[in-house]
Amino acid sequence: MATRAQQAPAHVAPHYMAIGKIVGPHGIRGEVKVAVLTDYPERFQPGARIYLGSEAAAAPAEIVAARPHKNLLLVLLASVPDRNAAELLRDKYLLIPEDQAMPLGEHENYAHDLIGLAVETVDGEALGRLTEILFTGANDVYVVAGSEGELLLPALREVVLQVDLAAGKMVVALPDGLRD
């Protein structure tokens, strides 16, 4: 349904896709801890050219080294000489231009394209807006915020019947007992 290749929020710099989020510094050499937001970890190879970004801007950067660390990656960037510089990057995103995105298969969408969609049942009942996607390992779960609170929808073909990005809408068939 959605790919993790884009679970970043929609507020990153325009025309870029987030592949990671810096969650803090590591050590004294300038390494940063990165939460990976892509299904393609090869994007973090030494020599890869990426962008560092926030809501307002994106600046070019180059990856010098990357290695796994717990659930994260430790990444050394050429432009980050020490821990103090790394600390300033907390909560920034590692970005790639949208035109470098991997092609999607049939019935796949980037998560950032789904965030904000109006969600309704096959009967036309408005359920709310898709606000978040949880990547559980088995199947994704869509968090839909509506007037009655949050609804957790499994991202399965038998549940998600239609995604119309142009219309900004998703049509779902609620499984029996989901609202109980």
N, C-alpha and C. Protein backbone atom coordinates (compact mmCIF):
# COMPACT_ATOMS: atom_id res chain seq x y z
N MET A 1 0.85 -1.16 0.00
CA MET A 1 0.00 0.00 0.00
C MET A 1 0.90 1.24 0.00
N ALA A 2 1.39 1.67 1.14
CA ALA A 2 2.35 2.77 1.16
C ALA A 2 3.73 2.15 1.33
N THR A 3 4.73 2.86 0.91
CA THR A 3 6.08 2.38 1.15
C THR A 3 6.71 3.27 2.20
N ARG A 4 7.59 2.70 3.00
CA ARG A 4 8.26 3.49 4.01
C ARG A 4 9.13 4.53 3.35
N ALA A 5 9.37 4.38 2.06
CA ALA A 5 10.22 5.31 1.35
C ALA A 5 9.77 6.74 1.53
N GLN A 6 8.66 6.92 2.15
CA GLN A 6 8.29 8.30 2.44
C GLN A 6 7.34 8.35 3.61
N GLN A 7 7.82 8.17 4.79
CA GLN A 7 6.97 8.34 5.94
C GLN A 7 7.24 9.67 6.60
N ALA A 8 8.05 10.49 5.99
CA ALA A 8 8.34 11.80 6.55
C ALA A 8 7.14 12.71 6.46
N PRO A 9 7.06 13.67 7.34
CA PRO A 9 5.96 14.61 7.28
C PRO A 9 5.99 15.42 6.00
N ALA A 10 4.87 15.99 5.68
CA ALA A 10 4.75 16.73 4.43
C ALA A 10 5.39 18.11 4.50
N HIS A 11 5.98 18.49 5.63
CA HIS A 11 6.50 19.85 5.77
C HIS A 11 8.00 19.96 5.49
N VAL A 12 8.57 19.06 4.72
CA VAL A 12 9.96 19.22 4.31
C VAL A 12 10.01 20.14 3.10
N ALA A 13 11.21 20.55 2.73
CA ALA A 13 11.38 21.49 1.63
C ALA A 13 10.70 20.96 0.36
N PRO A 14 10.13 21.84 -0.45
CA PRO A 14 9.41 21.40 -1.65
C PRO A 14 10.32 20.67 -2.63
N HIS A 15 9.77 19.69 -3.32
CA HIS A 15 10.45 18.92 -4.36
C HIS A 15 11.54 18.00 -3.81
N TYR A 16 11.51 17.73 -2.53
CA TYR A 16 12.44 16.79 -1.92
C TYR A 16 11.64 15.72 -1.17
N MET A 17 12.28 14.56 -0.99
CA MET A 17 11.71 13.49 -0.20
C MET A 17 12.68 13.17 0.93
N ALA A 18 12.15 12.98 2.12
CA ALA A 18 12.99 12.65 3.26
C ALA A 18 13.36 11.17 3.21
N ILE A 19 14.65 10.89 3.41
CA ILE A 19 15.11 9.50 3.51
C ILE A 19 15.59 9.18 4.91
N GLY A 20 15.72 10.21 5.74
CA GLY A 20 16.14 10.02 7.12
C GLY A 20 15.90 11.28 7.93
N LYS A 21 15.84 11.09 9.25
CA LYS A 21 15.69 12.22 10.16
C LYS A 21 16.79 12.13 11.20
N ILE A 22 17.51 13.23 11.38
CA ILE A 22 18.58 13.28 12.37
C ILE A 22 17.95 13.42 13.75
N VAL A 23 18.25 12.45 14.62
CA VAL A 23 17.65 12.46 15.96
C VAL A 23 18.63 12.93 17.02
N GLY A 24 19.90 13.14 16.64
CA GLY A 24 20.87 13.66 17.59
C GLY A 24 22.29 13.35 17.18
N PRO A 25 23.25 13.90 17.93
CA PRO A 25 24.66 13.62 17.66
C PRO A 25 25.09 12.30 18.28
N HIS A 26 26.23 11.78 17.84
CA HIS A 26 26.81 10.57 18.42
C HIS A 26 28.32 10.76 18.48
N GLY A 27 28.88 10.66 19.65
CA GLY A 27 30.33 10.79 19.79
C GLY A 27 30.81 12.22 19.58
N ILE A 28 32.13 12.35 19.41
CA ILE A 28 32.72 13.70 19.30
C ILE A 28 33.20 14.02 17.89
N ARG A 29 33.13 13.05 16.96
CA ARG A 29 33.65 13.27 15.60
C ARG A 29 32.67 13.92 14.64
N GLY A 30 31.44 14.17 15.08
CA GLY A 30 30.46 14.80 14.21
C GLY A 30 29.45 13.84 13.61
N GLU A 31 29.47 12.58 14.05
CA GLU A 31 28.47 11.65 13.54
C GLU A 31 27.08 12.05 14.04
N VAL A 32 26.08 11.74 13.23
CA VAL A 32 24.70 11.97 13.64
C VAL A 32 23.94 10.66 13.63
N LYS A 33 22.99 10.54 14.56
CA LYS A 33 22.11 9.37 14.60
C LYS A 33 20.93 9.68 13.69
N VAL A 34 20.66 8.75 12.77
CA VAL A 34 19.62 8.97 11.76
C VAL A 34 18.56 7.87 11.85
N ALA A 35 17.31 8.30 11.99
CA ALA A 35 16.18 7.38 11.85
C ALA A 35 15.92 7.24 10.35
N VAL A 36 15.99 6.02 9.86
CA VAL A 36 15.87 5.77 8.42
C VAL A 36 14.40 5.83 8.01
N LEU A 37 14.11 6.59 6.96
CA LEU A 37 12.75 6.76 6.45
C LEU A 37 12.61 6.25 5.03
N THR A 38 13.49 5.35 4.62
CA THR A 38 13.46 4.83 3.26
C THR A 38 13.55 3.32 3.27
N ASP A 39 13.01 2.71 2.25
CA ASP A 39 13.14 1.26 2.07
C ASP A 39 14.45 0.91 1.36
N TYR A 40 15.24 1.92 1.03
CA TYR A 40 16.46 1.73 0.25
C TYR A 40 17.67 2.25 1.02
N PRO A 41 18.20 1.46 1.95
CA PRO A 41 19.32 1.92 2.77
C PRO A 41 20.60 2.19 1.97
N GLU A 42 20.67 1.70 0.73
CA GLU A 42 21.84 1.98 -0.09
C GLU A 42 21.97 3.47 -0.39
N ARG A 43 20.96 4.24 -0.12
CA ARG A 43 21.04 5.70 -0.31
C ARG A 43 22.06 6.34 0.63
N PHE A 44 22.49 5.61 1.65
CA PHE A 44 23.42 6.14 2.64
C PHE A 44 24.86 5.70 2.39
N GLN A 45 25.18 5.27 1.18
CA GLN A 45 26.54 4.84 0.85
C GLN A 45 27.50 6.02 0.91
N PRO A 46 28.76 5.78 1.30
CA PRO A 46 29.75 6.85 1.26
C PRO A 46 29.83 7.45 -0.14
N GLY A 47 29.90 8.76 -0.19
CA GLY A 47 29.95 9.48 -1.45
C GLY A 47 28.59 9.93 -1.96
N ALA A 48 27.52 9.41 -1.34
CA ALA A 48 26.17 9.81 -1.76
C ALA A 48 25.96 11.29 -1.50
N ARG A 49 25.39 11.95 -2.48
CA ARG A 49 25.07 13.38 -2.34
C ARG A 49 23.59 13.50 -1.99
N ILE A 50 23.36 14.17 -0.88
CA ILE A 50 22.00 14.35 -0.38
C ILE A 50 21.82 15.83 -0.05
N TYR A 51 20.73 16.12 0.62
CA TYR A 51 20.46 17.48 1.09
C TYR A 51 20.05 17.41 2.55
N LEU A 52 20.43 18.42 3.31
CA LEU A 52 19.99 18.57 4.69
C LEU A 52 18.89 19.60 4.67
N GLY A 53 17.77 19.30 5.31
CA GLY A 53 16.67 20.23 5.19
C GLY A 53 15.80 20.37 6.40
N SER A 54 15.00 21.40 6.31
CA SER A 54 13.98 21.70 7.30
C SER A 54 12.77 22.20 6.54
N GLU A 55 11.87 22.84 7.25
CA GLU A 55 10.67 23.35 6.60
C GLU A 55 11.01 24.41 5.56
N ALA A 56 12.08 25.13 5.76
CA ALA A 56 12.35 26.30 4.93
C ALA A 56 13.36 26.08 3.81
N ALA A 57 14.34 25.23 4.01
CA ALA A 57 15.43 25.18 3.03
C ALA A 57 16.11 23.82 3.04
N ALA A 58 16.88 23.58 1.97
CA ALA A 58 17.69 22.37 1.86
C ALA A 58 19.07 22.76 1.36
N ALA A 59 20.10 22.23 2.03
CA ALA A 59 21.48 22.53 1.65
C ALA A 59 22.17 21.23 1.25
N PRO A 60 23.02 21.26 0.20
CA PRO A 60 23.70 20.03 -0.22
C PRO A 60 24.66 19.50 0.84
N ALA A 61 24.80 18.18 0.87
CA ALA A 61 25.72 17.52 1.80
C ALA A 61 26.20 16.22 1.16
N GLU A 62 27.31 15.70 1.69
CA GLU A 62 27.85 14.44 1.19
C GLU A 62 28.07 13.49 2.35
N ILE A 63 27.67 12.24 2.15
CA ILE A 63 27.86 11.21 3.17
C ILE A 63 29.28 10.67 3.06
N VAL A 64 30.01 10.71 4.17
CA VAL A 64 31.38 10.19 4.23
C VAL A 64 31.35 8.73 4.67
N ALA A 65 30.52 8.42 5.66
CA ALA A 65 30.43 7.06 6.18
C ALA A 65 29.05 6.86 6.81
N ALA A 66 28.62 5.60 6.86
CA ALA A 66 27.36 5.25 7.52
C ALA A 66 27.49 3.83 8.04
N ARG A 67 26.96 3.62 9.25
CA ARG A 67 27.00 2.28 9.84
C ARG A 67 25.79 2.09 10.74
N PRO A 68 25.32 0.85 10.84
CA PRO A 68 24.15 0.60 11.68
C PRO A 68 24.49 0.76 13.16
N HIS A 69 23.50 1.19 13.92
CA HIS A 69 23.64 1.35 15.37
C HIS A 69 22.25 1.22 15.99
N LYS A 70 21.99 0.09 16.64
CA LYS A 70 20.67 -0.20 17.20
C LYS A 70 19.64 -0.10 16.08
N ASN A 71 18.58 0.68 16.24
CA ASN A 71 17.56 0.81 15.20
C ASN A 71 17.86 1.96 14.26
N LEU A 72 19.03 2.54 14.37
CA LEU A 72 19.38 3.76 13.63
C LEU A 72 20.59 3.52 12.74
N LEU A 73 20.97 4.56 12.02
CA LEU A 73 22.25 4.61 11.32
C LEU A 73 23.07 5.72 11.93
N LEU A 74 24.35 5.49 12.05
CA LEU A 74 25.28 6.56 12.40
C LEU A 74 25.87 7.05 11.09
N VAL A 75 25.71 8.33 10.82
CA VAL A 75 26.12 8.90 9.54
C VAL A 75 27.12 10.02 9.80
N LEU A 76 28.21 9.99 9.05
CA LEU A 76 29.20 11.07 9.09
C LEU A 76 29.07 11.86 7.80
N LEU A 77 28.83 13.15 7.94
CA LEU A 77 28.68 14.05 6.79
C LEU A 77 29.93 14.90 6.64
N ALA A 78 30.32 15.15 5.40
CA ALA A 78 31.55 15.91 5.13
C ALA A 78 31.52 17.30 5.75
N SER A 79 30.36 17.90 5.85
CA SER A 79 30.25 19.27 6.33
C SER A 79 30.06 19.38 7.84
N VAL A 80 30.17 18.26 8.56
CA VAL A 80 29.93 18.27 10.01
C VAL A 80 31.20 17.83 10.72
N PRO A 81 32.01 18.79 11.22
CA PRO A 81 33.33 18.46 11.75
C PRO A 81 33.36 17.94 13.19
N ASP A 82 32.31 18.23 13.99
CA ASP A 82 32.37 17.85 15.40
C ASP A 82 30.97 17.73 16.00
N ARG A 83 30.95 17.35 17.27
CA ARG A 83 29.68 17.13 17.96
C ARG A 83 28.83 18.40 18.01
N ASN A 84 29.46 19.55 18.21
CA ASN A 84 28.70 20.80 18.29
C ASN A 84 27.94 21.05 16.99
N ALA A 85 28.60 20.84 15.87
CA ALA A 85 27.94 21.02 14.56
C ALA A 85 26.85 19.97 14.38
N ALA A 86 27.10 18.75 14.84
CA ALA A 86 26.10 17.68 14.73
C ALA A 86 24.86 18.00 15.56
N GLU A 87 25.06 18.57 16.73
CA GLU A 87 23.93 18.92 17.60
C GLU A 87 22.99 19.92 16.92
N LEU A 88 23.55 20.82 16.13
CA LEU A 88 22.73 21.82 15.44
C LEU A 88 21.82 21.20 14.37
N LEU A 89 22.10 19.97 13.99
CA LEU A 89 21.31 19.30 12.95
C LEU A 89 20.15 18.48 13.50
N ARG A 90 20.02 18.43 14.82
CA ARG A 90 18.94 17.65 15.42
C ARG A 90 17.59 18.05 14.80
N ASP A 91 16.80 17.04 14.46
CA ASP A 91 15.46 17.20 13.87
C ASP A 91 15.47 17.68 12.42
N LYS A 92 16.63 17.77 11.80
CA LYS A 92 16.69 18.08 10.36
C LYS A 92 16.50 16.77 9.59
N TYR A 93 16.13 16.91 8.34
CA TYR A 93 15.91 15.74 7.49
C TYR A 93 17.04 15.58 6.48
N LEU A 94 17.34 14.32 6.15
CA LEU A 94 18.21 14.01 5.03
C LEU A 94 17.28 13.82 3.84
N LEU A 95 17.52 14.56 2.78
CA LEU A 95 16.59 14.63 1.66
C LEU A 95 17.24 14.21 0.35
N ILE A 96 16.41 13.77 -0.57
CA ILE A 96 16.83 13.56 -1.96
C ILE A 96 15.82 14.30 -2.84
N PRO A 97 16.23 14.71 -4.04
CA PRO A 97 15.26 15.31 -4.95
C PRO A 97 14.18 14.28 -5.33
N GLU A 98 12.95 14.74 -5.48
CA GLU A 98 11.85 13.82 -5.82
C GLU A 98 12.12 13.03 -7.09
N ASP A 99 12.87 13.63 -8.03
CA ASP A 99 13.12 12.91 -9.29
C ASP A 99 14.08 11.73 -9.11
N GLN A 100 14.66 11.58 -7.92
CA GLN A 100 15.51 10.42 -7.63
C GLN A 100 14.76 9.32 -6.87
N ALA A 101 13.47 9.49 -6.71
CA ALA A 101 12.66 8.50 -6.01
C ALA A 101 12.61 7.20 -6.82
N MET A 102 12.57 6.09 -6.12
CA MET A 102 12.45 4.80 -6.77
C MET A 102 11.04 4.67 -7.35
N PRO A 103 10.92 4.04 -8.53
CA PRO A 103 9.58 3.88 -9.10
C PRO A 103 8.72 2.96 -8.22
N LEU A 104 7.45 3.25 -8.21
CA LEU A 104 6.52 2.46 -7.41
C LEU A 104 5.86 1.38 -8.24
N GLY A 105 5.47 0.32 -7.57
CA GLY A 105 4.71 -0.74 -8.23
C GLY A 105 3.23 -0.40 -8.25
N GLU A 106 2.47 -1.27 -8.88
CA GLU A 106 1.03 -1.09 -8.94
C GLU A 106 0.44 -1.13 -7.52
N HIS A 107 -0.52 -0.29 -7.25
CA HIS A 107 -1.18 -0.19 -5.95
C HIS A 107 -0.24 0.28 -4.84
N GLU A 108 0.84 0.96 -5.18
CA GLU A 108 1.74 1.52 -4.19
C GLU A 108 1.71 3.04 -4.30
N ASN A 109 1.86 3.68 -3.15
CA ASN A 109 1.93 5.13 -3.09
C ASN A 109 3.00 5.51 -2.09
N TYR A 110 3.57 6.67 -2.28
CA TYR A 110 4.47 7.18 -1.25
C TYR A 110 3.62 7.64 -0.08
N ALA A 111 4.09 7.37 1.11
CA ALA A 111 3.34 7.72 2.31
C ALA A 111 3.02 9.20 2.36
N HIS A 112 3.95 10.04 1.93
CA HIS A 112 3.67 11.48 2.01
C HIS A 112 2.52 11.89 1.10
N ASP A 113 2.23 11.11 0.07
CA ASP A 113 1.09 11.41 -0.80
C ASP A 113 -0.24 11.03 -0.13
N LEU A 114 -0.18 10.09 0.81
CA LEU A 114 -1.41 9.64 1.47
C LEU A 114 -1.79 10.50 2.67
N ILE A 115 -0.79 11.07 3.33
CA ILE A 115 -1.06 11.89 4.51
C ILE A 115 -1.96 13.06 4.10
N GLY A 116 -3.04 13.23 4.83
CA GLY A 116 -3.97 14.32 4.55
C GLY A 116 -5.17 13.92 3.72
N LEU A 117 -5.17 12.70 3.15
CA LEU A 117 -6.32 12.28 2.35
C LEU A 117 -7.57 12.18 3.23
N ALA A 118 -8.70 12.57 2.66
CA ALA A 118 -9.99 12.34 3.31
C ALA A 118 -10.30 10.86 3.17
N VAL A 119 -10.75 10.24 4.26
CA VAL A 119 -11.05 8.81 4.24
C VAL A 119 -12.54 8.63 4.44
N GLU A 120 -13.15 7.84 3.56
CA GLU A 120 -14.58 7.57 3.67
C GLU A 120 -14.84 6.10 3.39
N THR A 121 -16.00 5.63 3.87
CA THR A 121 -16.39 4.24 3.63
C THR A 121 -17.00 4.11 2.24
N VAL A 122 -17.23 2.88 1.82
CA VAL A 122 -17.86 2.63 0.52
C VAL A 122 -19.28 3.19 0.49
N ASP A 123 -19.87 3.40 1.65
CA ASP A 123 -21.22 3.99 1.74
C ASP A 123 -21.18 5.51 1.75
N GLY A 124 -19.98 6.09 1.67
CA GLY A 124 -19.86 7.54 1.64
C GLY A 124 -19.76 8.20 3.00
N GLU A 125 -19.65 7.41 4.07
CA GLU A 125 -19.52 7.98 5.41
C GLU A 125 -18.11 8.53 5.61
N ALA A 126 -18.02 9.80 5.96
CA ALA A 126 -16.71 10.42 6.20
C ALA A 126 -16.15 9.93 7.53
N LEU A 127 -14.93 9.40 7.50
CA LEU A 127 -14.28 8.90 8.70
C LEU A 127 -13.27 9.88 9.27
N GLY A 128 -12.73 10.75 8.44
CA GLY A 128 -11.73 11.71 8.89
C GLY A 128 -10.61 11.83 7.88
N ARG A 129 -9.45 12.25 8.36
CA ARG A 129 -8.27 12.42 7.50
C ARG A 129 -7.16 11.48 7.95
N LEU A 130 -6.43 10.96 6.98
CA LEU A 130 -5.28 10.11 7.28
C LEU A 130 -4.17 11.02 7.80
N THR A 131 -3.76 10.81 9.04
CA THR A 131 -2.78 11.69 9.68
C THR A 131 -1.41 11.07 9.87
N GLU A 132 -1.35 9.74 9.85
CA GLU A 132 -0.08 9.07 10.15
C GLU A 132 -0.13 7.66 9.59
N ILE A 133 1.05 7.13 9.29
CA ILE A 133 1.16 5.74 8.85
C ILE A 133 2.12 5.04 9.79
N LEU A 134 1.66 3.95 10.38
CA LEU A 134 2.50 3.15 11.28
C LEU A 134 3.05 1.98 10.48
N PHE A 135 4.35 1.82 10.51
CA PHE A 135 5.02 0.73 9.79
C PHE A 135 5.31 -0.37 10.79
N THR A 136 4.45 -1.40 10.79
CA THR A 136 4.49 -2.42 11.84
C THR A 136 5.32 -3.64 11.49
N GLY A 137 5.67 -3.80 10.24
CA GLY A 137 6.40 -4.99 9.82
C GLY A 137 5.48 -5.95 9.09
N ALA A 138 4.34 -6.29 9.69
CA ALA A 138 3.39 -7.19 9.02
C ALA A 138 2.67 -6.44 7.91
N ASN A 139 1.96 -5.41 8.26
CA ASN A 139 1.32 -4.53 7.28
C ASN A 139 1.27 -3.13 7.89
N ASP A 140 1.21 -2.14 7.04
CA ASP A 140 1.11 -0.77 7.52
C ASP A 140 -0.26 -0.58 8.16
N VAL A 141 -0.34 0.42 9.03
CA VAL A 141 -1.61 0.79 9.66
C VAL A 141 -1.80 2.28 9.44
N TYR A 142 -2.97 2.64 8.92
CA TYR A 142 -3.29 4.04 8.68
C TYR A 142 -4.04 4.60 9.88
N VAL A 143 -3.56 5.73 10.39
CA VAL A 143 -4.22 6.42 11.49
C VAL A 143 -5.12 7.48 10.88
N VAL A 144 -6.41 7.35 11.14
CA VAL A 144 -7.40 8.28 10.60
C VAL A 144 -8.00 9.05 11.77
N ALA A 145 -7.83 10.37 11.75
CA ALA A 145 -8.37 11.24 12.80
C ALA A 145 -9.70 11.81 12.33
N GLY A 146 -10.73 11.55 13.13
CA GLY A 146 -12.06 12.05 12.80
C GLY A 146 -12.73 12.65 14.01
N SER A 147 -13.99 12.99 13.87
CA SER A 147 -14.73 13.64 14.95
C SER A 147 -14.92 12.71 16.15
N GLU A 148 -14.85 11.41 15.94
CA GLU A 148 -15.01 10.44 17.03
C GLU A 148 -13.68 9.92 17.55
N GLY A 149 -12.59 10.59 17.22
CA GLY A 149 -11.27 10.16 17.66
C GLY A 149 -10.49 9.49 16.54
N GLU A 150 -9.49 8.71 16.93
CA GLU A 150 -8.64 8.05 15.94
C GLU A 150 -9.15 6.65 15.63
N LEU A 151 -9.01 6.29 14.37
CA LEU A 151 -9.36 4.97 13.89
C LEU A 151 -8.12 4.37 13.25
N LEU A 152 -7.78 3.14 13.61
CA LEU A 152 -6.61 2.47 13.05
C LEU A 152 -7.07 1.49 11.98
N LEU A 153 -6.67 1.77 10.74
CA LEU A 153 -7.08 0.94 9.61
C LEU A 153 -5.90 0.12 9.10
N PRO A 154 -6.06 -1.20 8.98
CA PRO A 154 -4.98 -1.98 8.37
C PRO A 154 -4.87 -1.65 6.89
N ALA A 155 -3.67 -1.45 6.41
CA ALA A 155 -3.45 -1.09 5.00
C ALA A 155 -3.40 -2.37 4.17
N LEU A 156 -4.57 -2.94 3.98
CA LEU A 156 -4.71 -4.18 3.21
C LEU A 156 -5.62 -3.92 2.02
N ARG A 157 -5.40 -4.64 0.93
CA ARG A 157 -6.20 -4.42 -0.29
C ARG A 157 -7.70 -4.64 -0.05
N GLU A 158 -8.03 -5.58 0.84
CA GLU A 158 -9.46 -5.81 1.10
C GLU A 158 -10.08 -4.70 1.95
N VAL A 159 -9.26 -3.85 2.56
CA VAL A 159 -9.75 -2.72 3.36
C VAL A 159 -9.69 -1.43 2.54
N VAL A 160 -8.53 -1.16 1.95
CA VAL A 160 -8.36 0.06 1.14
C VAL A 160 -8.76 -0.28 -0.29
N LEU A 161 -9.93 0.20 -0.68
CA LEU A 161 -10.48 -0.16 -1.98
C LEU A 161 -10.05 0.80 -3.08
N GLN A 162 -9.86 2.06 -2.72
CA GLN A 162 -9.53 3.06 -3.74
C GLN A 162 -8.71 4.18 -3.11
N VAL A 163 -7.68 4.60 -3.83
CA VAL A 163 -6.91 5.78 -3.47
C VAL A 163 -6.95 6.70 -4.69
N ASP A 164 -7.51 7.87 -4.50
CA ASP A 164 -7.61 8.85 -5.58
C ASP A 164 -6.85 10.09 -5.14
N LEU A 165 -5.57 10.14 -5.50
CA LEU A 165 -4.74 11.27 -5.07
C LEU A 165 -5.23 12.58 -5.66
N ALA A 166 -5.70 12.56 -6.90
CA ALA A 166 -6.17 13.79 -7.54
C ALA A 166 -7.38 14.36 -6.80
N ALA A 167 -8.26 13.49 -6.32
CA ALA A 167 -9.44 13.94 -5.58
C ALA A 167 -9.16 14.10 -4.10
N GLY A 168 -7.98 13.65 -3.64
CA GLY A 168 -7.63 13.76 -2.23
C GLY A 168 -8.45 12.85 -1.33
N LYS A 169 -8.75 11.64 -1.83
CA LYS A 169 -9.66 10.77 -1.08
C LYS A 169 -9.23 9.31 -1.13
N MET A 170 -9.56 8.61 -0.04
CA MET A 170 -9.35 7.16 0.07
C MET A 170 -10.70 6.54 0.46
N VAL A 171 -11.07 5.47 -0.23
CA VAL A 171 -12.32 4.76 0.07
C VAL A 171 -11.95 3.42 0.70
N VAL A 172 -12.61 3.12 1.83
CA VAL A 172 -12.28 1.91 2.57
C VAL A 172 -13.53 1.09 2.89
N ALA A 173 -13.32 -0.20 3.07
CA ALA A 173 -14.36 -1.11 3.56
C ALA A 173 -13.94 -1.49 4.98
N LEU A 174 -14.70 -1.03 5.95
CA LEU A 174 -14.34 -1.29 7.34
C LEU A 174 -14.55 -2.77 7.68
N PRO A 175 -13.52 -3.42 8.22
CA PRO A 175 -13.69 -4.81 8.65
C PRO A 175 -14.70 -4.89 9.80
N ASP A 176 -15.42 -5.99 9.88
CA ASP A 176 -16.37 -6.19 10.97
C ASP A 176 -15.65 -6.06 12.31
N GLY A 177 -16.28 -5.35 13.23
CA GLY A 177 -15.73 -5.22 14.57
C GLY A 177 -14.65 -4.17 14.74
N LEU A 178 -14.29 -3.47 13.68
CA LEU A 178 -13.19 -2.49 13.79
C LEU A 178 -13.53 -1.35 14.74
N ARG A 179 -14.76 -0.93 14.77
CA ARG A 179 -15.15 0.21 15.63
C ARG A 179 -15.60 -0.22 17.01
N ASP A 180 -15.66 -1.50 17.28
CA ASP A 180 -16.15 -1.97 18.59
C ASP A 180 -15.14 -1.75 19.68
